[in-house]
Amino acid sequence: MSGRYDAIIIGAGHNGLVAAALLARKGRKVLVLEARDHVGGMLGDADFRVAPLPYALRPEIIRQLGLPPQLMGTSRPVETISFNPDGAPVTVLGGRASGVDADMAPAYATLHARLGRQAKALGVMMLQSPPGLGKASFSEMAGLARMALKMRLLGKTEMRDLLRIILSNAWDLLNDEIGDGPLAGCLAMDATLGGAMGPRSPGTVLTLLYRMASQSSHGHGLRVMPEGGPDALVKALRECVTDAGGVIRTGAPVAKILVDQDKAAGVRLQSGEEIAAATVLSNASPKITLMNLLGVEHLDGEFVRRSRNMATIGMVSRLDFDIAQMPSLGSGGEIEHGQRLVFAPTMQAIETAFNAAKYGNLPERPVFEATYDATAKRFCVTAQFTPHDLKGGWTDDAKEKLASSVMAALEEALPGLTSAVTTRRVMSPVDIETGYGASGGHWHHGELRVDQLLMLRPFDGAAQYRMPVKGLYLCGAGAHPGGDISGAPGFNAARAALRNGGH
């Protein structure tokens, strides 16, 4: 063994860094091992990030880790512009929508406020370990009781409404409340982004509520860009780890989790170097952690079956377009630095794209979100419903086809953009899988659906972070509460390890 630590964290994504920072601040000797040449995971590659537009890191985590206050207090909420092929775009910021009919704006504000209250009640569980099925600790049951109390405090009418819609689909909810169109398309994009479900898929209301449970000083359900961009968040987390005495090594891919007498004993790097630790937290996806790094020989047959059956097939591609100059919107006005553009004119457009993807095809008319980075002169696109298991595979021709269809759509919203593009790059779900340890290229490490949430995330029997091998924990997006940039899975996993004495 080349060294001994109290805890090793596999992967320096934001969840891994949050877990490492909390453990180091509690006096543990911590080592973070990152396969790539940079920290931050999907958030950290300045040249081509998978997650260019983060949600808010949980305020409780910022406070407990002593992170710079600008990550919470002075970050700016991201305004969304939803493309409207029939006129001026719809602009959305929280519960305020402009560019819509006079009676639509208050209807949307009412819906947003109600969903926000319901999401806040469910959000009580975000920083709680979910209770086990059949057996739960007092603290786990107390967290569930607090969520039940929050739901009860909504009042009888609103609680009944929450129970009515929570397992339904976003299409029915939004169509009933505000009808179809650019505003509904914007919300339906939030309900489906990153996953393999369309607006008509059952459970997409729950995904929308999950997103609306995100918190910042600006309110709930908002994308929040830290001052200094994603790099500022990654830098703050990295310094939090190292200032507390933690060690971070990049270019150090882990090949195997070592086990001795059914207990975690450390890791072996691809170089052959072995490092000892009684506690190992993995920020890789559950399937890769359990099937590849640990190995089925350390798990019983039922656990292996559940791991293999976990829904992890991704449908998101990332495209970057370097541009000489950002053109104006076709309806007038400019796309400003950090603003979000959603290209989903209707929920039907999203559903049509999903229908193509679920049969292994690229949609003829893509749906996506994009953000403009004025500093880098770059338009960053997250294209939804581009299947991992694409018919014919992700060849150069397939990537070129996707880039061309996205460019054609962008040209509708931003006439002249095509001629302004100097370079374009495409990252398929397969590229995300191989580059970031995400099974199926799923950026949440697993579908955010009802049978893979709360006490069923990532699957039954694995929902409290701790794995069957003593001292091994999941700390990435595949663990409760799930993906996006919140830091909650890493924070919760570190607390679970501390409750078990670091083991």
Protein backbone atom coordinates (compact mmCIF):
# COMPACT_ATOMS: atom_id res chain seq x y z
CA MET A 1 0.00 0.00 0.00
CA SER A 2 1.32 3.44 -0.93
CA GLY A 3 -0.62 5.26 1.80
CA ARG A 4 -3.48 5.06 4.29
CA TYR A 5 -6.43 7.42 4.66
CA ASP A 6 -9.58 7.48 6.74
CA ALA A 7 -11.69 7.92 3.61
CA ILE A 8 -11.20 7.77 -0.15
CA ILE A 9 -13.64 9.51 -2.49
CA ILE A 10 -13.76 8.15 -6.05
CA GLY A 11 -14.49 11.03 -8.42
CA ALA A 12 -14.02 14.77 -7.93
CA GLY A 13 -17.41 15.81 -9.26
CA HIS A 14 -19.26 18.37 -7.19
CA ASN A 15 -20.90 15.67 -5.03
CA GLY A 16 -17.55 14.01 -4.39
CA LEU A 17 -16.01 17.34 -3.41
CA VAL A 18 -18.93 18.13 -1.07
CA ALA A 19 -18.54 14.73 0.61
CA ALA A 20 -14.78 15.15 0.90
CA ALA A 21 -15.09 18.67 2.32
CA LEU A 22 -17.55 17.59 5.02
CA LEU A 23 -15.45 14.58 6.05
CA ALA A 24 -12.24 16.63 6.09
CA ARG A 25 -13.86 19.37 8.17
CA LYS A 26 -14.87 16.66 10.66
CA GLY A 27 -11.23 15.71 11.10
CA ARG A 28 -11.01 12.75 8.71
CA LYS A 29 -7.91 12.19 6.61
CA VAL A 30 -9.39 12.33 3.10
CA LEU A 31 -8.11 11.53 -0.39
CA VAL A 32 -10.08 12.38 -3.54
CA LEU A 33 -9.15 10.44 -6.69
CA GLU A 34 -10.19 11.83 -10.07
CA ALA A 35 -9.62 10.02 -13.38
CA ARG A 36 -9.65 13.19 -15.50
CA ASP A 37 -7.14 16.03 -15.45
CA HIS A 38 -9.53 18.44 -13.74
CA VAL A 39 -11.91 18.48 -10.78
CA GLY A 40 -15.60 19.31 -10.90
CA GLY A 41 -16.78 16.35 -12.99
CA MET A 42 -19.56 17.28 -15.42
CA LEU A 43 -19.41 20.84 -14.13
CA GLY A 44 -15.67 21.29 -14.24
CA ASP A 45 -14.34 21.03 -17.80
CA ALA A 46 -14.11 24.65 -18.94
CA ASP A 47 -13.43 23.54 -22.53
CA PHE A 48 -16.56 21.40 -22.83
CA ARG A 49 -18.80 21.05 -19.75
CA VAL A 50 -21.61 18.53 -19.56
CA ALA A 51 -23.46 20.82 -17.11
CA PRO A 52 -22.95 24.41 -18.31
CA LEU A 53 -26.02 25.79 -16.52
CA PRO A 54 -26.18 24.62 -12.89
CA TYR A 55 -28.99 24.70 -10.39
CA ALA A 56 -28.29 26.11 -6.94
CA LEU A 57 -26.06 24.35 -4.45
CA ARG A 58 -28.24 23.79 -1.38
CA PRO A 59 -27.96 26.80 1.00
CA GLU A 60 -27.61 24.48 4.02
CA ILE A 61 -24.53 22.91 2.41
CA ILE A 62 -22.99 26.28 1.63
CA ARG A 63 -23.40 27.33 5.25
CA GLN A 64 -22.15 24.10 6.81
CA LEU A 65 -19.08 23.94 4.59
CA GLY A 66 -18.31 27.62 5.11
CA LEU A 67 -18.28 28.29 1.37
CA PRO A 68 -18.05 31.87 0.02
CA PRO A 69 -21.36 33.70 0.52
CA GLN A 70 -21.52 34.76 -3.14
CA LEU A 71 -22.43 31.16 -3.97
CA MET A 72 -25.66 31.76 -2.10
CA GLY A 73 -26.32 35.44 -1.62
CA THR A 74 -25.10 37.29 -4.69
CA SER A 75 -25.48 34.63 -7.38
CA ARG A 76 -27.86 35.70 -10.10
CA PRO A 77 -31.02 33.83 -11.11
CA VAL A 78 -31.07 32.73 -14.74
CA GLU A 79 -33.84 34.16 -16.90
CA THR A 80 -35.36 31.82 -19.48
CA ILE A 81 -36.40 32.81 -22.99
CA SER A 82 -38.77 30.29 -24.56
CA PHE A 83 -38.83 30.36 -28.38
CA ASN A 84 -42.19 31.17 -29.91
CA PRO A 85 -42.48 30.45 -33.66
CA ASP A 86 -45.62 32.58 -33.87
CA GLY A 87 -44.32 35.81 -32.40
CA ALA A 88 -42.28 37.34 -29.60
CA PRO A 89 -40.59 34.87 -27.24
CA VAL A 90 -41.95 34.15 -23.78
CA THR A 91 -39.67 35.26 -20.95
CA VAL A 92 -39.80 33.42 -17.62
CA LEU A 93 -38.18 34.18 -14.28
CA GLY A 94 -39.58 32.25 -11.34
CA GLY A 95 -43.32 32.88 -11.17
CA ARG A 96 -43.26 35.79 -13.60
CA ALA A 97 -43.96 35.22 -17.29
CA SER A 98 -44.01 37.97 -19.91
CA GLY A 99 -44.89 37.80 -23.59
CA VAL A 100 -48.02 35.77 -22.85
CA ASP A 101 -51.74 36.60 -22.97
CA ALA A 102 -53.03 38.88 -20.24
CA ASP A 103 -54.96 36.04 -18.54
CA MET A 104 -52.08 33.58 -18.89
CA ALA A 105 -49.57 35.45 -16.71
CA PRO A 106 -51.65 35.30 -13.48
CA ALA A 107 -52.66 31.69 -14.19
CA TYR A 108 -49.00 30.75 -14.51
CA ALA A 109 -48.06 32.73 -11.39
CA THR A 110 -50.74 30.90 -9.40
CA LEU A 111 -49.60 27.51 -10.72
CA HIS A 112 -45.94 28.27 -10.03
CA ALA A 113 -46.69 29.39 -6.47
CA ARG A 114 -48.78 26.30 -5.74
CA LEU A 115 -46.22 23.89 -7.17
CA GLY A 116 -43.53 25.75 -5.24
CA ARG A 117 -45.33 25.21 -1.94
CA GLN A 118 -45.85 21.54 -2.73
CA ALA A 119 -42.23 21.12 -3.80
CA LYS A 120 -41.05 22.80 -0.59
CA ALA A 121 -43.02 20.26 1.45
CA LEU A 122 -41.46 17.36 -0.45
CA GLY A 123 -38.04 19.07 -0.32
CA VAL A 124 -37.79 18.41 3.42
CA MET A 125 -36.37 15.00 2.44
CA MET A 126 -33.63 16.45 0.19
CA LEU A 127 -31.04 16.48 3.00
CA GLN A 128 -32.41 13.45 4.83
CA SER A 129 -31.46 9.82 4.41
CA PRO A 130 -34.64 8.13 3.14
CA PRO A 131 -36.13 5.46 5.42
CA GLY A 132 -35.54 1.85 4.55
CA LEU A 133 -38.42 -0.35 3.45
CA GLY A 134 -39.34 -2.52 6.41
CA LYS A 135 -36.68 -1.12 8.74
CA ALA A 136 -35.79 2.49 9.43
CA SER A 137 -33.87 4.41 12.07
CA PHE A 138 -35.49 6.99 14.30
CA SER A 139 -33.83 9.87 12.40
CA GLU A 140 -35.04 8.50 9.05
CA MET A 141 -38.60 8.18 10.30
CA ALA A 142 -38.37 11.65 11.84
CA GLY A 143 -37.45 13.08 8.42
CA LEU A 144 -40.42 11.33 6.83
CA ALA A 145 -42.66 12.66 9.60
CA ARG A 146 -41.44 16.22 8.97
CA MET A 147 -42.31 15.85 5.29
CA ALA A 148 -45.76 14.52 6.21
CA LEU A 149 -46.28 17.49 8.56
CA LYS A 150 -45.23 19.96 5.84
CA MET A 151 -47.72 18.34 3.48
CA ARG A 152 -50.44 18.53 6.12
CA LEU A 153 -49.70 22.22 6.67
CA LEU A 154 -50.44 22.87 3.01
CA GLY A 155 -54.09 22.56 3.99
CA LYS A 156 -56.61 19.92 3.04
CA THR A 157 -57.35 21.26 -0.45
CA GLU A 158 -53.75 21.69 -1.53
CA MET A 159 -52.60 18.43 0.04
CA ARG A 160 -55.32 16.59 -1.89
CA ASP A 161 -54.19 18.36 -5.05
CA LEU A 162 -50.60 17.23 -4.44
CA LEU A 163 -51.68 13.62 -3.92
CA ARG A 164 -53.78 13.86 -7.09
CA ILE A 165 -51.00 15.07 -9.37
CA ILE A 166 -47.80 13.67 -7.87
CA LEU A 167 -47.75 10.47 -9.94
CA SER A 168 -49.39 11.95 -13.04
CA ASN A 169 -47.78 13.37 -16.15
CA ALA A 170 -46.71 16.93 -16.87
CA TRP A 171 -48.80 17.06 -20.06
CA ASP A 172 -52.13 16.73 -18.27
CA LEU A 173 -51.20 19.11 -15.46
CA LEU A 174 -49.91 21.89 -17.71
CA ASN A 175 -52.55 21.46 -20.39
CA ASP A 176 -55.28 21.80 -17.76
CA GLU A 177 -53.72 24.85 -16.11
CA ILE A 178 -52.15 26.92 -18.91
CA GLY A 179 -52.70 25.06 -22.19
CA ASP A 180 -50.00 24.11 -24.67
CA GLY A 181 -47.50 26.57 -26.10
CA PRO A 182 -44.05 28.06 -25.39
CA LEU A 183 -44.75 28.55 -21.66
CA ALA A 184 -45.95 24.97 -21.19
CA GLY A 185 -43.05 23.77 -23.34
CA CYS A 186 -40.62 25.55 -21.04
CA LEU A 187 -42.05 23.84 -17.94
CA ALA A 188 -42.29 20.47 -19.70
CA MET A 189 -38.62 20.77 -20.59
CA ASP A 190 -37.83 21.17 -16.88
CA ALA A 191 -39.95 18.09 -16.16
CA THR A 192 -38.11 15.90 -18.68
CA LEU A 193 -34.59 17.30 -19.11
CA GLY A 194 -31.86 14.77 -18.54
CA GLY A 195 -34.19 11.79 -18.51
CA ALA A 196 -35.81 9.31 -20.84
CA MET A 197 -39.46 10.28 -20.29
CA GLY A 198 -41.69 12.54 -22.38
CA PRO A 199 -44.31 14.98 -21.07
CA ARG A 200 -47.01 12.27 -21.29
CA SER A 201 -44.95 9.80 -19.23
CA PRO A 202 -46.37 9.05 -15.76
CA GLY A 203 -44.35 10.58 -12.95
CA THR A 204 -43.05 13.64 -14.79
CA VAL A 205 -44.95 15.92 -12.39
CA LEU A 206 -42.78 14.45 -9.63
CA THR A 207 -39.67 15.33 -11.64
CA LEU A 208 -40.95 18.89 -12.09
CA LEU A 209 -41.56 19.16 -8.34
CA TYR A 210 -38.06 17.80 -7.72
CA ARG A 211 -36.61 20.61 -9.80
CA MET A 212 -38.81 23.21 -8.14
CA ALA A 213 -37.56 22.04 -4.74
CA SER A 214 -34.14 23.56 -5.51
CA GLN A 215 -33.46 26.55 -3.26
CA SER A 216 -31.44 29.74 -3.33
CA SER A 217 -31.67 33.21 -1.86
CA HIS A 218 -33.75 34.13 -4.93
CA GLY A 219 -36.48 31.56 -4.32
CA HIS A 220 -37.27 28.02 -5.42
CA GLY A 221 -36.99 26.22 -8.73
CA LEU A 222 -34.53 28.67 -10.26
CA ARG A 223 -31.34 28.03 -12.14
CA VAL A 224 -28.67 30.07 -10.34
CA MET A 225 -25.35 31.06 -11.87
CA PRO A 226 -22.63 31.75 -9.29
CA GLU A 227 -20.67 34.97 -9.65
CA GLY A 228 -17.70 33.87 -11.72
CA GLY A 229 -19.68 31.06 -13.36
CA PRO A 230 -19.37 27.30 -12.77
CA ASP A 231 -15.60 27.61 -12.36
CA ALA A 232 -16.15 29.70 -9.22
CA LEU A 233 -18.27 26.94 -7.68
CA VAL A 234 -15.72 24.25 -8.53
CA LYS A 235 -12.86 26.39 -7.20
CA ALA A 236 -14.69 27.05 -3.94
CA LEU A 237 -15.38 23.35 -3.40
CA ARG A 238 -11.80 22.36 -4.24
CA GLU A 239 -10.38 24.93 -1.82
CA CYS A 240 -12.84 23.83 0.87
CA VAL A 241 -11.41 20.30 0.63
CA THR A 242 -7.76 21.29 0.60
CA ASP A 243 -8.10 23.99 3.27
CA ALA A 244 -9.54 21.34 5.60
CA GLY A 245 -6.53 19.09 4.96
CA GLY A 246 -7.96 16.88 2.22
CA VAL A 247 -5.83 15.72 -0.70
CA ILE A 248 -7.01 15.75 -4.32
CA ARG A 249 -5.25 13.76 -7.05
CA THR A 250 -6.22 14.13 -10.70
CA GLY A 251 -5.20 11.76 -13.48
CA ALA A 252 -5.69 8.89 -11.02
CA PRO A 253 -8.38 6.52 -12.37
CA VAL A 254 -9.54 3.83 -9.97
CA ALA A 255 -9.59 0.27 -11.33
CA LYS A 256 -10.88 -1.64 -8.30
CA ILE A 257 -12.36 -1.18 -4.86
CA LEU A 258 -10.41 -3.45 -2.50
CA VAL A 259 -12.28 -5.65 -0.06
CA ASP A 260 -11.00 -7.59 2.94
CA GLN A 261 -13.38 -9.86 4.89
CA ASP A 262 -16.47 -8.12 3.48
CA LYS A 263 -15.14 -4.68 4.43
CA ALA A 264 -13.82 -1.91 2.20
CA ALA A 265 -10.04 -1.85 2.40
CA GLY A 266 -9.09 0.84 -0.12
CA VAL A 267 -8.65 1.08 -3.88
CA ARG A 268 -6.33 -0.02 -6.65
CA LEU A 269 -5.54 2.52 -9.35
CA GLN A 270 -5.19 1.61 -13.02
CA SER A 271 -1.46 2.19 -12.56
CA GLY A 272 -1.40 -0.69 -10.05
CA GLU A 273 -0.92 1.53 -7.01
CA GLU A 274 -2.94 0.48 -3.97
CA ILE A 275 -4.14 2.93 -1.32
CA ALA A 276 -5.70 1.83 1.96
CA ALA A 277 -8.86 3.23 3.59
CA ALA A 278 -11.62 1.70 5.69
CA THR A 279 -14.20 4.04 4.12
CA VAL A 280 -14.72 4.48 0.36
CA LEU A 281 -17.32 6.80 -1.17
CA SER A 282 -17.98 6.49 -4.90
CA ASN A 283 -19.20 9.39 -7.00
CA ALA A 284 -19.43 7.10 -10.05
CA SER A 285 -22.85 5.77 -11.03
CA PRO A 286 -24.25 2.85 -9.00
CA LYS A 287 -23.89 0.34 -11.85
CA ILE A 288 -20.25 1.21 -12.50
CA THR A 289 -19.48 1.31 -8.77
CA LEU A 290 -21.05 -2.07 -8.04
CA MET A 291 -20.57 -4.03 -11.26
CA ASN A 292 -17.15 -2.75 -12.35
CA LEU A 293 -15.24 -1.24 -9.44
CA LEU A 294 -16.51 -3.56 -6.69
CA GLY A 295 -17.47 -6.70 -8.59
CA VAL A 296 -20.43 -9.05 -8.42
CA GLU A 297 -18.44 -11.54 -6.34
CA HIS A 298 -19.05 -9.30 -3.31
CA LEU A 299 -22.83 -9.04 -3.78
CA ASP A 300 -25.74 -11.45 -3.51
CA GLY A 301 -27.70 -12.43 -6.61
CA GLU A 302 -30.77 -10.29 -5.91
CA PHE A 303 -28.68 -7.19 -5.33
CA VAL A 304 -26.87 -7.77 -8.62
CA ARG A 305 -30.19 -8.24 -10.46
CA ARG A 306 -31.59 -4.98 -9.08
CA SER A 307 -28.42 -3.12 -9.99
CA ARG A 308 -28.44 -4.43 -13.55
CA ASN A 309 -32.14 -3.61 -13.99
CA MET A 310 -31.77 0.00 -12.87
CA ALA A 311 -32.99 2.39 -15.61
CA THR A 312 -29.88 4.28 -16.68
CA ILE A 313 -30.17 4.80 -20.45
CA GLY A 314 -29.50 8.48 -21.14
CA MET A 315 -30.94 10.70 -23.86
CA VAL A 316 -28.93 13.92 -23.58
CA SER A 317 -26.21 15.26 -25.86
CA ARG A 318 -24.13 18.38 -25.42
CA LEU A 319 -23.14 20.70 -28.24
CA ASP A 320 -20.94 23.79 -28.12
CA PHE A 321 -20.91 26.42 -30.86
CA ASP A 322 -18.09 28.95 -30.81
CA ILE A 323 -19.35 32.11 -32.47
CA ALA A 324 -17.79 35.30 -33.72
CA GLN A 325 -20.78 37.38 -32.62
CA MET A 326 -24.16 36.59 -31.10
CA PRO A 327 -26.96 37.67 -33.46
CA SER A 328 -30.20 39.19 -32.26
CA LEU A 329 -33.38 37.26 -31.71
CA GLY A 330 -35.60 37.08 -34.78
CA SER A 331 -38.29 39.02 -32.90
CA GLY A 332 -35.78 41.65 -31.77
CA GLY A 333 -33.71 41.92 -28.61
CA GLU A 334 -30.48 40.26 -27.59
CA ILE A 335 -29.50 37.04 -25.83
CA GLU A 336 -27.51 38.23 -22.84
CA HIS A 337 -24.65 36.52 -21.06
CA GLY A 338 -25.95 33.67 -18.92
CA GLN A 339 -29.52 33.75 -20.22
CA ARG A 340 -31.21 30.47 -21.01
CA LEU A 341 -32.93 29.83 -24.34
CA VAL A 342 -35.41 26.94 -24.49
CA PHE A 343 -36.35 25.58 -27.89
CA ALA A 344 -39.53 23.63 -27.16
CA PRO A 345 -42.38 25.57 -28.77
CA THR A 346 -45.00 23.15 -27.44
CA MET A 347 -45.28 20.09 -25.24
CA GLN A 348 -46.24 18.21 -28.40
CA ALA A 349 -42.84 19.10 -29.90
CA ILE A 350 -41.13 17.54 -26.87
CA GLU A 351 -43.34 14.43 -27.02
CA THR A 352 -42.66 14.02 -30.75
CA ALA A 353 -38.90 14.21 -30.13
CA PHE A 354 -39.24 11.65 -27.33
CA ASN A 355 -41.23 9.29 -29.57
CA ALA A 356 -38.37 9.24 -32.08
CA ALA A 357 -35.73 8.71 -29.39
CA LYS A 358 -37.46 5.81 -27.66
CA TYR A 359 -37.17 3.86 -30.91
CA GLY A 360 -33.47 4.67 -31.23
CA ASN A 361 -33.76 7.55 -33.71
CA LEU A 362 -32.70 11.18 -33.65
CA PRO A 363 -35.67 13.56 -33.70
CA GLU A 364 -36.13 15.42 -36.95
CA ARG A 365 -36.83 18.58 -34.98
CA PRO A 366 -34.75 18.64 -31.77
CA VAL A 367 -35.76 20.19 -28.47
CA PHE A 368 -33.10 21.70 -26.25
CA GLU A 369 -31.98 24.35 -23.82
CA ALA A 370 -29.02 26.63 -24.49
CA THR A 371 -27.08 29.32 -22.70
CA TYR A 372 -24.78 32.02 -24.02
CA ASP A 373 -21.31 32.44 -22.51
CA ALA A 374 -20.26 35.91 -23.65
CA THR A 375 -16.81 35.56 -22.08
CA ALA A 376 -15.92 32.49 -24.13
CA LYS A 377 -18.13 33.59 -27.07
CA ARG A 378 -19.81 30.23 -26.92
CA PHE A 379 -23.37 28.97 -27.25
CA CYS A 380 -23.80 25.85 -25.10
CA VAL A 381 -26.66 23.53 -26.08
CA THR A 382 -28.12 20.62 -24.12
CA ALA A 383 -30.12 18.58 -26.64
CA GLN A 384 -32.79 16.32 -25.19
CA PHE A 385 -33.98 12.97 -26.58
CA THR A 386 -30.84 11.93 -28.41
CA PRO A 387 -30.69 8.22 -27.48
CA HIS A 388 -27.64 6.49 -26.08
CA ASP A 389 -28.53 3.38 -28.08
CA LEU A 390 -28.82 5.21 -31.39
CA LYS A 391 -29.56 3.05 -34.41
CA GLY A 392 -26.33 2.77 -36.36
CA GLY A 393 -24.32 4.09 -33.40
CA TRP A 394 -22.86 7.49 -32.63
CA THR A 395 -20.73 7.83 -35.74
CA ASP A 396 -19.25 11.09 -36.97
CA ASP A 397 -22.11 11.27 -39.47
CA ALA A 398 -24.68 10.89 -36.66
CA LYS A 399 -23.04 13.68 -34.67
CA GLU A 400 -22.97 15.88 -37.76
CA LYS A 401 -26.66 15.18 -38.37
CA LEU A 402 -27.51 16.21 -34.82
CA ALA A 403 -25.38 19.36 -35.02
CA SER A 404 -27.01 20.36 -38.31
CA SER A 405 -30.56 19.87 -37.01
CA VAL A 406 -29.79 21.88 -33.87
CA MET A 407 -28.25 24.64 -35.97
CA ALA A 408 -31.32 24.73 -38.21
CA ALA A 409 -33.53 25.16 -35.14
CA LEU A 410 -31.29 27.84 -33.66
CA GLU A 411 -31.37 29.70 -36.95
CA GLU A 412 -35.15 30.07 -36.53
CA ALA A 413 -34.68 31.77 -33.17
CA LEU A 414 -31.45 33.60 -33.98
CA PRO A 415 -31.28 34.40 -37.71
CA GLY A 416 -27.68 34.62 -38.86
CA LEU A 417 -26.25 32.33 -36.17
CA THR A 418 -25.16 29.70 -38.69
CA SER A 419 -22.80 32.10 -40.46
CA ALA A 420 -21.42 33.29 -37.10
CA VAL A 421 -20.36 29.82 -35.95
CA THR A 422 -16.61 29.22 -36.18
CA THR A 423 -16.35 25.82 -34.43
CA ARG A 424 -18.81 23.22 -33.20
CA ARG A 425 -18.36 20.20 -30.95
CA VAL A 426 -20.72 17.34 -30.05
CA MET A 427 -20.69 15.11 -26.97
CA SER A 428 -23.08 12.16 -27.27
CA PRO A 429 -24.50 10.10 -24.39
CA VAL A 430 -21.86 7.48 -25.19
CA ASP A 431 -19.14 10.12 -24.78
CA ILE A 432 -20.65 11.14 -21.43
CA GLU A 433 -20.69 7.50 -20.32
CA THR A 434 -17.06 6.82 -21.15
CA GLY A 435 -15.79 10.17 -19.93
CA TYR A 436 -17.61 10.54 -16.62
CA GLY A 437 -18.46 7.11 -15.22
CA ALA A 438 -22.18 7.54 -15.92
CA SER A 439 -23.95 4.32 -16.94
CA GLY A 440 -25.82 4.76 -20.21
CA GLY A 441 -24.59 8.34 -20.41
CA HIS A 442 -27.38 9.32 -18.00
CA TRP A 443 -26.36 12.58 -16.36
CA HIS A 444 -28.50 11.73 -13.29
CA HIS A 445 -26.81 8.28 -13.09
CA GLY A 446 -30.34 6.87 -13.21
CA GLU A 447 -33.85 7.86 -14.20
CA LEU A 448 -35.70 10.26 -11.89
CA ARG A 449 -38.92 8.30 -11.78
CA VAL A 450 -41.16 7.10 -8.99
CA ASP A 451 -39.56 3.63 -8.69
CA GLN A 452 -36.08 5.18 -8.44
CA LEU A 453 -36.66 8.00 -5.95
CA LEU A 454 -36.60 8.38 -2.15
CA MET A 455 -36.33 4.95 -0.46
CA LEU A 456 -36.05 3.33 -3.90
CA ARG A 457 -33.04 5.32 -5.13
CA PRO A 458 -31.01 3.87 -6.72
CA PHE A 459 -33.05 0.70 -6.04
CA ASP A 460 -34.67 -1.22 -3.21
CA GLY A 461 -32.05 -2.26 -0.66
CA ALA A 462 -29.50 0.39 -1.61
CA ALA A 463 -31.22 3.63 -0.63
CA GLN A 464 -29.30 4.67 2.49
CA TYR A 465 -25.96 5.28 0.70
CA ARG A 466 -24.28 2.37 2.49
CA MET A 467 -23.63 -0.70 0.31
CA PRO A 468 -23.51 -4.37 1.40
CA VAL A 469 -19.74 -4.21 1.73
CA LYS A 470 -19.09 -2.43 5.03
CA GLY A 471 -17.46 0.98 4.58
CA LEU A 472 -18.59 1.46 0.94
CA TYR A 473 -21.02 4.30 0.14
CA LEU A 474 -22.60 5.87 -2.93
CA CYS A 475 -22.23 9.66 -2.97
CA GLY A 476 -23.15 10.59 -6.55
CA ALA A 477 -26.29 11.51 -8.46
CA GLY A 478 -27.46 7.89 -8.45
CA ALA A 479 -28.10 8.18 -4.72
CA HIS A 480 -30.94 10.08 -3.02
CA PRO A 481 -32.14 12.70 -3.82
CA GLY A 482 -30.75 12.50 -7.37
CA GLY A 483 -29.07 14.57 -10.07
CA ASP A 484 -28.62 18.24 -11.00
CA ILE A 485 -26.21 20.49 -9.13
CA SER A 486 -27.37 20.47 -5.51
CA GLY A 487 -24.58 18.74 -3.59
CA ALA A 488 -27.22 16.85 -1.59
CA PRO A 489 -26.17 13.25 -2.45
CA GLY A 490 -22.54 13.91 -1.48
CA PHE A 491 -23.53 15.74 1.69
CA ASN A 492 -25.98 13.04 2.77
CA ALA A 493 -23.53 10.22 2.02
CA ALA A 494 -20.77 11.85 4.07
CA ARG A 495 -23.15 12.27 6.99
CA ALA A 496 -24.16 8.61 6.69
CA ALA A 497 -20.49 7.60 6.85
CA LEU A 498 -19.95 9.81 9.90
CA ARG A 499 -22.98 8.31 11.65
CA ASN A 500 -21.43 4.88 11.15
CA GLY A 501 -18.16 6.01 12.74
CA GLY A 502 -16.53 6.70 9.41
CA HIS A 503 -17.13 3.09 8.37
